[in-house]
Amino acid sequence: MSLKRSPLHQEHLELGAKLTEFGGWEMPLSYPSGTIAEHMACRSGAVAFDVSHLGTVRLEGEESFALLQESFTNDLRKITPGRAQYTHLLDPNDASVVDDIIVWWVDSHRFDVMPNASNTLGVRSVIGGTDVTSSRSIIAVQGPRSREIVGRRFPEIASVAHYGVARFDFMGAPCVVAGTGYTGEDGFECAVDAAVAREFWREILSSGVLPAGLGARDTLRLEAALPLHSHELGPGITPLQAGLGWVVSWDKGEFLGRKALEAERQRGVSRRLRALCSSGRRPPHPGDLILSRGEPDGMVTSGNFSPVLGRGIALGFVSPDLTVGAVTEIETRGSRTEALIVKPPFHHLSI
């Protein structure tokens, strides 16, 4: 099966990007600067990611609000047009997370629902709507200086509030910006018409923003302890197990999976997602055993080397009685390394 390509594909080739498959798309993993340099640039300055592989399902019309309320866990009444919201779509049978989603409420009767790349078709089968993924490119600018740097050229973009949503025009094409991201840093994501996406990308980079690939995006989201679907969320994993109960609005009425999730809430979760900081530099890997008092207790779902901390970090599911401060071990390829359960995010720890 041929891979889908972003409207920015040729730009990545010209920048010397190393490409990889992700969710059925051919996307940049890193650029010649390297993943660690891109990671650190996001923590100290600003970088730009092409995340056009994310889906966009558009709902328009007066019935859209009610349909999303009945489908997703969070409560749209908490926000208003011109805001974004993080939410979950659950399996009605066991309340596992079918997908974690950002909803951009663009105006009174238009919602741009942003699923993960490989889940777009499944989300659309539930909520309907129009798949407009191929009509735009999503460019995420992230980092503590992102607003300062981009604001010199695009003040209307840089002024978007955290989790705000606003329209803007570029070269006559209507576009949308949201104050969202996936790095643990300030920033925004721009949905730019595919016809002008290459020109917009060039202007962003020319302002002094470094291009960054999905390798850095993954290490950044792990340092921020943000869940990745198919790792910390997915079949058999509920919001309560993942420590994301705040995404569930119990007082809003029915939503898909509510009955099964209420049953789990009443009996208590059998496992809980925790953040683990290793005592050494060796990066843990998904599937590594987590041991408590020498006995297997859980499994790593995401692990890597933290450029900020200079040691291995991981997310993993363990017994709910293992809480912050508990000492565990992570077994990687037959050797064990001590790891402390910590309060995330990792990049704000003082170690």
Protein backbone atom coordinates (compact mmCIF):
# COMPACT_ATOMS: atom_id res chain seq x y z
CA MET A 1 0.00 0.00 0.00
CA SER A 2 1.39 3.40 -0.97
CA LEU A 3 1.94 5.92 1.80
CA LYS A 4 0.13 9.23 1.92
CA ARG A 5 2.25 12.36 1.64
CA SER A 6 1.95 15.78 3.18
CA PRO A 7 1.61 18.89 0.99
CA LEU A 8 5.05 19.74 2.44
CA HIS A 9 6.70 16.52 1.23
CA GLN A 10 8.96 18.23 -1.31
CA GLU A 11 10.01 20.81 1.29
CA HIS A 12 11.18 18.01 3.59
CA LEU A 13 13.20 16.42 0.80
CA GLU A 14 14.90 19.72 0.01
CA LEU A 15 15.75 20.18 3.70
CA GLY A 16 17.41 16.75 3.80
CA ALA A 17 14.87 15.16 6.13
CA LYS A 18 15.03 11.49 7.04
CA LEU A 19 11.56 10.14 6.26
CA THR A 20 9.63 7.37 8.01
CA GLU A 21 6.22 5.71 7.91
CA PHE A 22 3.76 6.89 10.54
CA GLY A 23 0.05 6.06 10.58
CA GLY A 24 0.04 5.35 6.85
CA TRP A 25 1.93 8.55 6.00
CA GLU A 26 5.51 9.23 4.91
CA MET A 27 6.65 11.88 7.36
CA PRO A 28 9.94 13.49 8.47
CA LEU A 29 11.59 11.69 11.38
CA SER A 30 14.41 14.22 11.69
CA TYR A 31 16.44 16.78 9.78
CA PRO A 32 20.25 17.05 9.50
CA SER A 33 20.39 18.93 12.81
CA GLY A 34 19.34 15.69 14.56
CA THR A 35 16.60 14.74 16.99
CA ILE A 36 18.34 15.90 20.18
CA ALA A 37 19.14 19.33 18.71
CA GLU A 38 15.55 19.67 17.53
CA HIS A 39 14.28 18.59 20.95
CA MET A 40 16.43 21.11 22.82
CA ALA A 41 15.52 23.89 20.38
CA CYS A 42 11.86 23.32 21.26
CA ARG A 43 12.61 23.48 24.98
CA SER A 44 14.57 26.76 24.63
CA GLY A 45 13.37 28.47 21.46
CA ALA A 46 10.94 27.45 18.74
CA VAL A 47 10.56 24.65 16.20
CA ALA A 48 8.06 23.79 13.48
CA PHE A 49 6.58 20.34 12.92
CA ASP A 50 4.63 19.11 9.93
CA VAL A 51 1.75 17.17 11.51
CA SER A 52 -0.43 16.98 8.42
CA HIS A 53 -0.88 13.25 9.08
CA LEU A 54 -3.37 14.16 11.82
CA GLY A 55 -6.93 13.89 10.62
CA THR A 56 -9.52 16.63 10.28
CA VAL A 57 -13.19 15.66 10.26
CA ARG A 58 -15.44 18.68 9.79
CA LEU A 59 -18.96 18.88 11.20
CA GLU A 60 -21.23 21.75 10.23
CA GLY A 61 -24.84 22.46 11.08
CA GLU A 62 -27.06 22.98 14.09
CA GLU A 63 -27.04 19.28 15.04
CA SER A 64 -23.24 19.08 15.32
CA PHE A 65 -23.02 20.16 18.96
CA ALA A 66 -25.49 17.54 20.17
CA LEU A 67 -23.84 14.80 18.12
CA LEU A 68 -20.41 15.48 19.62
CA GLN A 69 -21.86 15.72 23.12
CA GLU A 70 -23.41 12.26 22.74
CA SER A 71 -20.22 10.77 21.27
CA PHE A 72 -17.29 12.15 23.31
CA THR A 73 -16.46 12.11 27.03
CA ASN A 74 -15.78 15.80 27.66
CA ASP A 75 -18.45 18.48 27.88
CA LEU A 76 -18.53 21.09 25.13
CA ARG A 77 -20.60 23.32 27.42
CA LYS A 78 -17.32 24.07 29.23
CA ILE A 79 -16.11 26.01 26.19
CA THR A 80 -17.51 28.35 23.53
CA PRO A 81 -16.91 29.01 19.82
CA GLY A 82 -13.32 30.08 19.36
CA ARG A 83 -11.99 27.48 21.82
CA ALA A 84 -10.50 23.97 21.60
CA GLN A 85 -11.06 20.96 23.86
CA TYR A 86 -9.29 17.66 24.52
CA THR A 87 -11.66 14.68 24.66
CA HIS A 88 -11.98 10.91 24.20
CA LEU A 89 -14.05 8.57 22.06
CA LEU A 90 -14.71 5.35 23.99
CA ASP A 91 -15.59 1.81 23.01
CA PRO A 92 -19.17 1.33 24.25
CA ASN A 93 -18.43 -2.23 25.39
CA ASP A 94 -15.41 -1.79 27.68
CA ALA A 95 -14.82 2.01 27.76
CA SER A 96 -11.34 1.67 26.27
CA VAL A 97 -10.11 4.73 24.37
CA VAL A 98 -10.84 4.38 20.66
CA ASP A 99 -9.09 7.71 20.13
CA ASP A 100 -8.04 10.85 21.96
CA ILE A 101 -9.09 13.91 20.06
CA ILE A 102 -8.82 17.68 19.95
CA VAL A 103 -12.02 19.48 18.92
CA TRP A 104 -11.58 22.93 17.38
CA TRP A 105 -14.87 24.84 17.79
CA VAL A 106 -14.29 27.26 14.91
CA ASP A 107 -17.62 29.09 14.98
CA SER A 108 -21.16 28.53 16.19
CA HIS A 109 -21.97 25.57 13.93
CA ARG A 110 -18.56 24.42 12.69
CA PHE A 111 -16.36 21.93 14.49
CA ASP A 112 -13.04 20.60 13.20
CA VAL A 113 -12.47 17.28 14.96
CA MET A 114 -8.79 16.23 15.00
CA PRO A 115 -8.26 12.45 15.38
CA ASN A 116 -4.96 10.58 15.31
CA ALA A 117 -3.73 9.67 11.84
CA SER A 118 -4.75 6.02 11.71
CA ASN A 119 -8.07 6.58 13.52
CA THR A 120 -9.68 9.13 11.22
CA LEU A 121 -11.89 6.60 9.44
CA GLY A 122 -13.03 5.03 12.71
CA VAL A 123 -13.90 8.38 14.28
CA ARG A 124 -15.78 9.44 11.18
CA SER A 125 -17.80 6.22 11.24
CA VAL A 126 -19.17 7.35 14.61
CA ILE A 127 -19.69 11.08 14.14
CA GLY A 128 -20.07 11.37 10.37
CA GLY A 129 -18.87 14.67 8.96
CA THR A 130 -16.53 15.39 6.06
CA ASP A 131 -12.89 14.28 5.94
CA VAL A 132 -11.00 17.41 4.89
CA THR A 133 -7.54 16.09 5.80
CA SER A 134 -6.21 16.27 2.23
CA SER A 135 -7.32 19.88 1.75
CA ARG A 136 -4.95 21.37 4.33
CA SER A 137 -1.58 21.05 6.02
CA ILE A 138 -1.15 21.25 9.79
CA ILE A 139 1.99 23.08 10.89
CA ALA A 140 2.72 23.14 14.62
CA VAL A 141 5.05 25.82 15.99
CA GLN A 142 6.15 24.96 19.51
CA GLY A 143 8.52 26.38 22.10
CA PRO A 144 8.77 29.15 24.69
CA ARG A 145 9.78 31.70 22.03
CA SER A 146 7.28 30.58 19.37
CA ARG A 147 4.95 33.53 19.84
CA GLU A 148 7.77 36.06 20.00
CA ILE A 149 9.47 34.81 16.83
CA VAL A 150 6.42 34.11 14.67
CA GLY A 151 4.61 37.20 15.97
CA ARG A 152 7.03 39.47 14.08
CA ARG A 153 5.56 38.21 10.80
CA PHE A 154 2.16 36.85 11.87
CA PRO A 155 0.90 38.79 14.93
CA GLU A 156 -2.65 37.53 14.39
CA ILE A 157 -1.43 33.93 14.72
CA ALA A 158 0.88 34.50 17.68
CA SER A 159 -1.89 36.22 19.64
CA VAL A 160 -4.16 33.16 19.75
CA ALA A 161 -4.90 32.17 23.34
CA HIS A 162 -3.88 28.85 24.87
CA TYR A 163 -6.56 26.47 23.60
CA GLY A 164 -8.07 29.32 21.62
CA VAL A 165 -9.15 28.98 17.97
CA ALA A 166 -9.10 31.78 15.38
CA ARG A 167 -9.34 32.28 11.64
CA PHE A 168 -6.66 33.99 9.56
CA ASP A 169 -5.85 34.45 5.88
CA PHE A 170 -2.61 33.62 4.11
CA MET A 171 -2.13 34.55 0.45
CA GLY A 172 -5.90 34.89 0.14
CA ALA A 173 -6.58 31.41 1.51
CA PRO A 174 -8.72 30.96 4.65
CA CYS A 175 -6.82 29.21 7.46
CA VAL A 176 -7.34 28.38 11.14
CA VAL A 177 -4.96 28.52 14.11
CA ALA A 178 -5.39 26.86 17.51
CA GLY A 179 -3.33 27.39 20.66
CA THR A 180 -2.67 23.67 20.99
CA GLY A 181 0.32 21.33 20.76
CA TYR A 182 1.93 18.10 21.91
CA THR A 183 5.27 19.06 23.42
CA GLY A 184 4.58 20.49 26.88
CA GLU A 185 5.61 23.93 25.59
CA ASP A 186 3.64 26.97 24.52
CA GLY A 187 2.76 27.24 20.85
CA PHE A 188 0.06 26.83 18.24
CA GLU A 189 -1.04 24.66 15.34
CA CYS A 190 -2.03 26.14 11.97
CA ALA A 191 -4.41 24.48 9.50
CA VAL A 192 -3.25 26.01 6.22
CA ASP A 193 -4.84 25.49 2.82
CA ALA A 194 -2.82 22.86 0.95
CA ALA A 195 -2.41 25.17 -2.05
CA VAL A 196 -0.36 27.68 -0.04
CA ALA A 197 1.14 25.38 2.62
CA ARG A 198 4.64 25.31 1.13
CA GLU A 199 4.84 29.11 1.07
CA PHE A 200 3.57 29.33 4.65
CA TRP A 201 6.11 26.72 5.83
CA ARG A 202 8.94 28.68 4.20
CA GLU A 203 7.86 31.91 5.88
CA ILE A 204 7.69 30.22 9.27
CA LEU A 205 11.21 28.81 8.87
CA SER A 206 12.57 32.09 7.51
CA SER A 207 11.42 33.82 10.69
CA GLY A 208 14.01 31.82 12.63
CA VAL A 209 12.13 28.65 13.57
CA LEU A 210 13.99 25.32 13.26
CA PRO A 211 12.27 22.44 11.43
CA ALA A 212 11.78 19.38 13.64
CA GLY A 213 10.66 15.84 12.91
CA LEU A 214 8.45 13.27 14.57
CA GLY A 215 11.42 11.83 16.46
CA ALA A 216 11.75 15.02 18.50
CA ARG A 217 8.00 15.33 18.79
CA ASP A 218 7.89 11.92 20.44
CA THR A 219 10.71 12.60 22.93
CA LEU A 220 9.13 15.97 23.74
CA ARG A 221 5.68 14.51 24.37
CA LEU A 222 7.24 11.75 26.52
CA GLU A 223 9.12 14.32 28.64
CA ALA A 224 5.78 16.10 29.02
CA ALA A 225 4.20 12.71 29.96
CA LEU A 226 1.55 13.10 27.27
CA PRO A 227 -0.15 9.87 26.18
CA LEU A 228 0.32 8.36 22.74
CA HIS A 229 -2.47 6.32 21.22
CA SER A 230 -1.53 2.64 20.82
CA HIS A 231 0.86 3.06 23.76
CA GLU A 232 -0.83 4.76 26.74
CA LEU A 233 -4.29 4.75 25.17
CA GLY A 234 -6.04 2.19 23.01
CA PRO A 235 -7.74 -1.21 23.22
CA GLY A 236 -8.19 -2.31 26.83
CA ILE A 237 -7.06 1.05 28.26
CA THR A 238 -9.65 3.36 29.79
CA PRO A 239 -9.31 7.06 30.69
CA LEU A 240 -9.35 6.13 34.39
CA GLN A 241 -6.45 3.68 34.00
CA ALA A 242 -4.51 6.34 32.07
CA GLY A 243 -5.06 8.93 34.83
CA LEU A 244 -7.20 11.05 32.53
CA GLY A 245 -10.43 11.07 34.50
CA TRP A 246 -10.56 14.86 34.10
CA VAL A 247 -11.45 14.28 30.42
CA VAL A 248 -14.73 12.65 31.50
CA SER A 249 -17.70 14.91 32.33
CA TRP A 250 -19.98 12.79 34.49
CA ASP A 251 -22.65 15.48 34.83
CA LYS A 252 -23.32 16.07 31.13
CA GLY A 253 -25.55 13.09 30.38
CA GLU A 254 -25.00 10.07 28.17
CA PHE A 255 -21.94 9.49 25.99
CA LEU A 256 -20.54 6.41 24.28
CA GLY A 257 -18.99 4.02 26.82
CA ARG A 258 -20.41 5.75 29.87
CA LYS A 259 -22.04 2.67 31.39
CA ALA A 260 -18.86 0.57 31.15
CA LEU A 261 -16.71 3.41 32.49
CA GLU A 262 -19.06 4.00 35.44
CA ALA A 263 -18.77 0.32 36.31
CA GLU A 264 -14.97 0.59 36.39
CA ARG A 265 -15.14 3.75 38.49
CA GLN A 266 -17.27 1.92 41.07
CA ARG A 267 -15.05 -1.17 41.33
CA GLY A 268 -11.73 0.71 41.02
CA VAL A 269 -9.02 0.39 38.39
CA SER A 270 -6.77 -2.67 38.31
CA ARG A 271 -3.78 -0.71 37.01
CA ARG A 272 -2.62 2.88 36.72
CA LEU A 273 -0.36 4.75 34.33
CA ARG A 274 2.74 6.13 36.07
CA ALA A 275 5.82 8.13 35.14
CA LEU A 276 9.16 6.48 35.91
CA CYS A 277 12.58 8.12 35.98
CA SER A 278 15.55 5.77 35.64
CA SER A 279 18.73 6.08 37.68
CA GLY A 280 20.82 5.64 34.52
CA ARG A 281 21.08 6.91 30.96
CA ARG A 282 19.90 3.70 29.33
CA PRO A 283 16.51 4.27 27.66
CA PRO A 284 13.68 1.91 28.58
CA HIS A 285 11.63 0.43 25.74
CA PRO A 286 7.95 -0.41 25.29
CA GLY A 287 7.37 -3.91 26.57
CA ASP A 288 10.08 -3.78 29.25
CA LEU A 289 9.00 -5.25 32.58
CA ILE A 290 8.45 -3.01 35.59
CA LEU A 291 9.27 -4.81 38.83
CA SER A 292 8.26 -4.00 42.39
CA ARG A 293 10.18 -5.72 45.20
CA GLY A 294 11.76 -7.96 42.62
CA GLU A 295 8.48 -9.21 41.17
CA PRO A 296 6.88 -8.25 37.84
CA ASP A 297 4.23 -5.60 38.38
CA GLY A 298 3.66 -3.91 35.04
CA MET A 299 5.03 -2.96 31.68
CA VAL A 300 6.59 0.07 29.99
CA THR A 301 4.36 1.57 27.30
CA SER A 302 6.72 4.38 26.18
CA GLY A 303 10.38 4.86 27.02
CA ASN A 304 13.35 6.86 25.78
CA PHE A 305 16.35 8.97 26.78
CA SER A 306 15.41 12.37 28.17
CA PRO A 307 17.68 15.06 26.68
CA VAL A 308 16.72 17.47 29.47
CA LEU A 309 17.33 15.09 32.40
CA GLY A 310 20.15 13.09 30.82
CA ARG A 311 18.64 9.77 31.89
CA GLY A 312 16.06 7.21 30.86
CA ILE A 313 12.37 7.95 31.36
CA ALA A 314 9.25 5.88 30.82
CA LEU A 315 5.50 5.68 31.09
CA GLY A 316 3.96 2.39 32.11
CA PHE A 317 1.05 0.68 33.79
CA VAL A 318 1.56 -0.68 37.30
CA SER A 319 -0.55 -1.65 40.30
CA PRO A 320 -2.61 1.31 41.54
CA ASP A 321 -0.96 1.14 44.98
CA LEU A 322 2.42 2.08 43.46
CA THR A 323 2.40 5.87 43.73
CA VAL A 324 4.84 8.78 43.51
CA GLY A 325 8.01 8.04 45.45
CA ALA A 326 7.86 4.26 45.02
CA VAL A 327 11.11 2.64 43.93
CA THR A 328 10.84 0.08 41.13
CA GLU A 329 13.11 -1.58 38.60
CA ILE A 330 12.89 -1.68 34.83
CA GLU A 331 14.21 -4.81 33.14
CA THR A 332 15.69 -4.08 29.72
CA ARG A 333 17.15 -6.98 27.77
CA GLY A 334 17.92 -9.00 30.86
CA SER A 335 19.44 -6.24 32.99
CA ARG A 336 17.66 -4.22 35.66
CA THR A 337 17.86 -0.51 36.40
CA GLU A 338 16.34 1.22 39.40
CA ALA A 339 13.55 3.64 38.55
CA LEU A 340 11.59 6.06 40.72
CA ILE A 341 7.90 6.80 40.20
CA VAL A 342 7.73 10.59 39.84
CA LYS A 343 5.15 13.31 39.41
CA PRO A 344 5.13 14.36 35.73
CA PRO A 345 6.06 16.18 33.61
CA PHE A 346 9.64 14.95 33.46
CA HIS A 347 11.17 18.10 32.00
CA HIS A 348 10.10 20.12 35.06
CA LEU A 349 11.76 17.76 37.55
CA SER A 350 14.75 18.87 39.61
CA ILE A 351 17.03 15.83 39.74
